[in-house]
Protein backbone atom coordinates (compact mmCIF):
# COMPACT_ATOMS: atom_id res chain seq x y z
CA MET A 1 0.00 0.00 0.00
CA PRO A 2 1.21 3.55 -0.73
CA SER A 3 2.83 5.46 2.12
CA ILE A 4 1.14 8.70 0.99
CA PRO A 5 -2.64 8.85 1.58
CA TYR A 6 -5.08 9.36 -1.29
CA ASP A 7 -5.88 13.07 -1.67
CA PRO A 8 -9.44 13.88 -2.84
CA SER A 9 -9.13 17.65 -2.28
CA ARG A 10 -9.74 20.34 -4.87
CA VAL A 11 -6.40 21.87 -3.91
CA ALA A 12 -4.55 18.69 -4.93
CA LEU A 13 -6.25 18.81 -8.32
CA ASP A 14 -6.29 22.55 -9.04
CA ALA A 15 -3.11 23.75 -7.30
CA PRO A 16 -0.63 20.84 -7.04
CA GLN A 17 2.25 23.30 -6.70
CA LEU A 18 1.16 24.20 -3.15
CA ARG A 19 2.29 20.89 -1.70
CA ASP A 20 5.98 20.58 -0.84
CA THR A 21 8.06 17.95 -2.55
CA VAL A 22 7.79 14.39 -1.30
CA PHE A 23 11.46 13.69 -2.09
CA VAL A 24 13.46 12.78 1.02
CA PRO A 25 17.15 13.77 1.01
CA GLY A 26 19.38 10.73 0.70
CA ALA A 27 16.60 8.38 -0.39
CA GLU A 28 16.88 6.44 -3.64
CA TYR A 29 14.14 6.62 -6.26
CA ASP A 30 13.73 4.66 -9.46
CA GLU A 31 13.06 6.39 -12.78
CA VAL A 32 9.29 6.20 -12.50
CA ALA A 33 9.23 7.65 -8.98
CA LEU A 34 11.57 10.43 -10.07
CA SER A 35 9.50 11.19 -13.15
CA VAL A 36 6.08 11.37 -11.51
CA GLU A 37 7.30 13.78 -8.83
CA LEU A 38 9.27 15.89 -11.32
CA ALA A 39 6.12 16.15 -13.43
CA ARG A 40 4.28 17.41 -10.33
CA LEU A 41 7.10 19.83 -9.50
CA ALA A 42 6.72 21.35 -12.96
CA TYR A 43 3.64 23.08 -11.52
CA VAL A 44 5.78 25.13 -9.09
CA HIS A 45 5.55 28.77 -10.23
CA TYR A 46 9.30 29.17 -10.66
CA GLU A 47 8.78 31.71 -13.44
CA ASP A 48 6.95 34.20 -11.20
CA HIS A 49 9.37 34.84 -8.37
CA ASP A 50 12.73 33.85 -6.91
CA ALA A 51 11.07 31.92 -4.08
CA GLY A 52 9.40 29.58 -6.57
CA LEU A 53 12.67 28.89 -8.34
CA ALA A 54 14.39 28.32 -5.00
CA ARG A 55 11.68 25.77 -4.07
CA LEU A 56 12.23 23.91 -7.32
CA LYS A 57 16.01 23.88 -6.96
CA GLU A 58 15.78 22.68 -3.36
CA ALA A 59 13.47 19.82 -4.36
CA LEU A 60 15.75 18.82 -7.24
CA GLY A 61 18.77 18.99 -4.98
CA ARG A 62 17.23 16.35 -2.71
CA VAL A 63 17.64 13.85 -5.55
CA ARG A 64 21.05 15.20 -6.64
CA PHE A 65 20.01 17.19 -9.70
CA ASP A 66 22.52 20.02 -9.72
CA ASP A 67 21.45 22.08 -12.72
CA VAL A 68 18.07 23.24 -14.01
CA THR A 69 17.05 25.18 -17.12
CA LEU A 70 13.58 26.72 -17.41
CA PHE A 71 11.45 26.83 -20.55
CA GLU A 72 8.54 29.22 -20.99
CA ASP A 73 6.42 30.77 -23.71
CA ALA A 74 4.05 33.46 -22.49
CA ALA A 75 1.87 33.44 -25.60
CA THR A 76 0.92 29.76 -25.23
CA GLY A 77 1.37 29.53 -21.47
CA THR A 78 3.77 26.62 -21.90
CA GLN A 79 6.23 25.88 -19.09
CA GLY A 80 8.73 23.18 -18.37
CA PHE A 81 12.26 22.54 -17.20
CA GLY A 82 15.29 20.46 -17.96
CA ALA A 83 17.19 19.00 -15.00
CA SER A 84 20.58 17.33 -15.16
CA ARG A 85 22.49 15.22 -12.65
CA SER A 86 26.25 15.16 -12.98
CA SER A 87 26.68 12.13 -10.70
CA ASP A 88 25.25 9.73 -13.30
CA GLY A 89 24.50 11.81 -16.40
CA LEU A 90 20.72 11.52 -16.04
CA CYS A 91 18.72 14.33 -17.63
CA VAL A 92 14.97 14.81 -17.28
CA LEU A 93 12.73 17.05 -19.36
CA ALA A 94 9.46 17.81 -17.53
CA PHE A 95 6.45 19.80 -18.75
CA ARG A 96 3.71 21.51 -16.74
CA GLY A 97 0.10 20.46 -17.19
CA THR A 98 -3.12 22.42 -17.38
CA GLU A 99 -3.69 25.12 -14.78
CA PRO A 100 -7.45 25.81 -14.56
CA THR A 101 -6.87 29.54 -13.92
CA GLN A 102 -4.78 30.00 -17.07
CA LEU A 103 -6.82 30.79 -20.18
CA THR A 104 -3.88 29.90 -22.44
CA ASP A 105 -3.84 26.36 -21.02
CA LEU A 106 -7.58 25.97 -21.42
CA GLY A 107 -7.35 27.29 -24.96
CA ALA A 108 -4.69 24.73 -25.81
CA ASP A 109 -6.82 21.91 -24.39
CA LEU A 110 -9.90 22.99 -26.34
CA ALA A 111 -8.13 23.33 -29.70
CA PHE A 112 -8.70 19.63 -30.32
CA THR A 113 -8.90 19.59 -34.12
CA LEU A 114 -6.20 17.44 -35.69
CA THR A 115 -3.38 19.17 -37.54
CA ASP A 116 -0.41 17.83 -39.50
CA TRP A 117 2.61 16.93 -37.38
CA THR A 118 5.01 18.18 -40.03
CA GLU A 119 8.04 17.57 -37.82
CA LYS A 120 7.54 13.82 -38.23
CA ALA A 121 4.31 12.27 -39.52
CA GLY A 122 0.63 11.89 -38.80
CA ARG A 123 -1.86 14.33 -37.31
CA VAL A 124 -2.01 15.62 -33.74
CA HIS A 125 -4.10 17.80 -31.43
CA LYS A 126 -3.69 21.39 -32.66
CA GLY A 127 -3.46 22.96 -29.20
CA PHE A 128 -0.90 20.45 -27.94
CA ALA A 129 1.21 20.93 -31.08
CA GLY A 130 1.24 24.70 -30.64
CA ALA A 131 2.33 24.37 -27.02
CA ALA A 132 5.13 21.93 -27.87
CA ARG A 133 6.44 24.00 -30.75
CA SER A 134 6.50 27.20 -28.72
CA VAL A 135 9.44 26.12 -26.54
CA LEU A 136 11.21 23.87 -29.06
CA PRO A 137 14.12 26.28 -29.74
CA GLU A 138 14.88 26.52 -26.01
CA VAL A 139 14.66 22.76 -25.54
CA LYS A 140 16.95 22.13 -28.51
CA GLN A 141 19.50 24.54 -27.04
CA TRP A 142 19.35 22.72 -23.69
CA LEU A 143 19.82 19.36 -25.41
CA GLU A 144 22.90 20.69 -27.20
CA GLN A 145 24.32 22.10 -23.95
CA THR A 146 23.89 18.82 -22.08
CA GLN A 147 24.90 16.48 -24.90
CA ALA A 148 28.50 16.00 -23.79
CA THR A 149 27.61 14.89 -20.26
CA ARG A 150 24.16 13.39 -20.81
CA LYS A 151 24.04 9.60 -20.54
CA ARG A 152 20.29 9.08 -20.31
CA LEU A 153 17.27 11.26 -21.14
CA ILE A 154 13.75 10.89 -19.74
CA VAL A 155 10.81 13.03 -20.88
CA THR A 156 7.80 13.37 -18.59
CA GLY A 157 4.73 15.47 -17.83
CA HIS A 158 1.24 15.42 -16.38
CA SER A 159 -2.04 16.17 -18.22
CA LEU A 160 -1.30 18.83 -20.88
CA GLY A 161 2.33 18.35 -19.90
CA ALA A 162 2.02 14.64 -20.69
CA ALA A 163 0.69 15.48 -24.14
CA ILE A 164 3.61 17.85 -24.75
CA ALA A 165 6.01 15.18 -23.47
CA THR A 166 4.52 12.69 -25.93
CA LEU A 167 5.10 15.09 -28.81
CA TYR A 168 8.69 15.55 -27.68
CA GLY A 169 9.04 11.79 -27.56
CA SER A 170 8.38 11.87 -31.29
CA LEU A 171 10.76 14.78 -31.85
CA ILE A 172 13.84 13.86 -29.83
CA ALA A 173 13.57 10.08 -29.24
CA PRO A 174 14.45 10.01 -25.52
CA ASP A 175 15.67 6.91 -23.74
CA ARG A 176 12.36 6.79 -21.90
CA LEU A 177 8.98 8.53 -22.09
CA ILE A 178 6.87 8.47 -18.90
CA THR A 179 3.50 10.21 -19.05
CA ILE A 180 1.07 10.83 -16.20
CA GLY A 181 -2.66 11.22 -16.85
CA SER A 182 -2.17 11.83 -20.55
CA PRO A 183 -4.98 12.61 -22.97
CA ARG A 184 -4.94 11.19 -26.47
CA VAL A 185 -2.49 13.19 -28.59
CA GLY A 186 -2.83 12.15 -32.23
CA ASP A 187 -3.68 9.53 -34.81
CA ALA A 188 -2.20 6.13 -35.62
CA ALA A 189 0.34 7.59 -38.05
CA PHE A 190 1.64 9.85 -35.29
CA VAL A 191 1.77 6.99 -32.80
CA ALA A 192 3.95 5.10 -35.28
CA THR A 193 6.62 7.82 -34.96
CA LEU A 194 7.16 6.64 -31.38
CA ALA A 195 7.98 3.06 -32.36
CA GLY A 196 11.00 1.72 -30.52
CA ILE A 197 10.82 4.23 -27.66
CA ASP A 198 10.57 2.86 -24.12
CA MET A 199 7.19 4.28 -23.04
CA MET A 200 5.11 4.13 -19.87
CA ARG A 201 1.64 5.74 -20.00
CA LEU A 202 0.29 5.86 -16.46
CA VAL A 203 -3.47 5.89 -15.90
CA ASP A 204 -4.75 6.38 -12.35
CA CYS A 205 -7.93 4.34 -11.97
CA CYS A 206 -10.90 6.55 -13.04
CA ASP A 207 -8.89 9.53 -14.37
CA VAL A 208 -11.24 11.03 -16.96
CA VAL A 209 -8.54 13.03 -18.76
CA THR A 210 -7.06 9.79 -20.06
CA GLU A 211 -10.32 9.22 -21.97
CA LEU A 212 -10.09 12.56 -23.82
CA PRO A 213 -10.34 13.55 -26.60
CA PRO A 214 -12.74 10.71 -27.46
CA GLU A 215 -11.84 8.16 -30.11
CA VAL A 216 -13.41 10.10 -32.95
CA GLY A 217 -11.77 11.65 -35.97
CA GLY A 218 -8.75 9.38 -35.68
CA TYR A 219 -7.54 9.90 -32.09
CA VAL A 220 -5.78 6.88 -30.57
CA HIS A 221 -3.67 6.42 -27.47
CA VAL A 222 0.09 5.92 -27.43
CA GLY A 223 1.04 2.46 -26.20
CA GLU A 224 -0.66 0.32 -23.59
CA ALA A 225 -1.92 1.85 -20.36
CA ALA A 226 -0.02 1.15 -17.15
CA TYR A 227 -3.07 0.99 -14.89
CA LEU A 228 -3.02 2.10 -11.26
CA THR A 229 -5.71 0.44 -9.16
CA ARG A 230 -8.05 2.15 -6.71
CA GLU A 231 -5.65 0.99 -3.98
CA GLY A 232 -2.73 2.82 -5.61
CA VAL A 233 -0.94 -0.24 -6.95
CA LEU A 234 0.42 -0.75 -10.46
CA ALA A 235 -1.68 -3.57 -11.92
CA SER A 236 0.08 -6.54 -13.49
CA SER A 237 -2.27 -6.23 -16.46
CA SER A 238 -4.91 -3.84 -17.77
CA ASP A 239 -7.49 -6.51 -18.54
CA GLU A 240 -10.71 -4.76 -19.60
CA ALA A 241 -12.96 -6.61 -17.15
CA PHE A 242 -10.58 -6.05 -14.24
CA VAL A 243 -10.31 -2.32 -14.97
CA ARG A 244 -14.09 -1.98 -15.31
CA ASP A 245 -14.75 -3.69 -11.98
CA ASP A 246 -11.99 -1.77 -10.20
CA ARG A 247 -13.34 1.56 -11.46
CA THR A 248 -16.88 0.69 -10.42
CA ALA A 249 -15.73 -0.14 -6.90
CA ALA A 250 -13.60 3.03 -6.79
CA ARG A 251 -16.53 5.28 -7.69
CA GLU A 252 -18.75 3.64 -5.08
CA GLU A 253 -16.11 4.02 -2.37
CA TYR A 254 -15.52 7.65 -3.34
CA LEU A 255 -19.20 8.53 -3.05
CA LEU A 256 -19.33 6.93 0.37
CA HIS A 257 -16.15 8.37 1.87
CA TYR A 258 -15.12 11.54 0.01
CA ALA A 259 -17.60 13.13 -2.42
CA TRP A 260 -19.81 14.73 0.23
CA LYS A 261 -17.02 16.40 2.24
CA THR A 262 -16.40 20.15 1.94
CA GLY A 263 -13.30 20.96 -0.07
CA ASN A 264 -13.21 17.67 -1.94
CA VAL A 265 -13.63 17.03 -5.64
CA VAL A 266 -17.17 15.82 -6.31
CA VAL A 267 -16.34 12.78 -8.46
CA ARG A 268 -13.49 10.28 -8.45
CA ASP A 269 -13.05 10.62 -12.22
CA LEU A 270 -11.60 14.10 -11.61
CA ALA A 271 -9.95 13.47 -8.23
CA ASP A 272 -7.85 10.67 -9.71
CA HIS A 273 -6.28 13.18 -12.09
CA ALA A 274 -4.53 15.05 -9.24
CA PRO A 275 -0.75 14.62 -9.67
CA ILE A 276 -0.19 13.56 -6.06
CA ASN A 277 -2.53 10.61 -6.57
CA TYR A 278 -0.10 9.34 -9.20
CA VAL A 279 2.97 10.20 -7.16
CA ARG A 280 1.72 8.28 -4.10
CA CYS A 281 1.74 5.02 -6.03
CA PHE A 282 5.51 5.03 -6.53
CA MET A 283 7.05 6.53 -3.42
CA PRO A 284 9.02 4.12 -1.21
């Protein structure tokens, strides 16, 4: 069972940056645990004030990342960072997800018509493509700067950030792509551009964002889902009947224990999208 309790609060969903990092100095974390928390830390408002950047650097320092580069485009509201660790050459590229108070993020999410992914092949979500392209020059520069010392590259993100991470998986072919609560990003031809990449697409139980946009007009998911059960455990398989029964039980339990309490998200399908409810599943 996870050591971090399930968090049904609206704050966990709408303002994940308010919770301090769960990284413990000196503890060891595998790549998935690192990635899910770094994706959550991408929500820290490091672009607004020195205190935010200091918070991010302190959290990264707990897991020995000694350099960070920020990426931002004001027009699209896209944010992310690149972190590098000199001790083993690990580099992680993490993108921020949707912030409900940011109109630019909401606009990107709603621009769901498919557009040509001219950088590679296929068609992708127009809003996601615009967000990914907006910081591409900065990301390319960071990749060039870290090339000499970089031994392994992971790309990650949550929600909108997961969609952007998926597009970057197509662009830069990282060693590993780990997405958290990702929507569908493009069509089958786009998905084919990710062939050969080590991918992990995490789906937390009832998370409704992972079912969007619907499978119309050509949208398909990237890879198989790595399903997290209502108990916060990575399932050994994502058998359709097992997932259906687990989600039904999860919704019933949520109505009984959480939905009626002040300050909580009303339905589990939204509460499961909170980044901390992914993070809790992988912390030692």
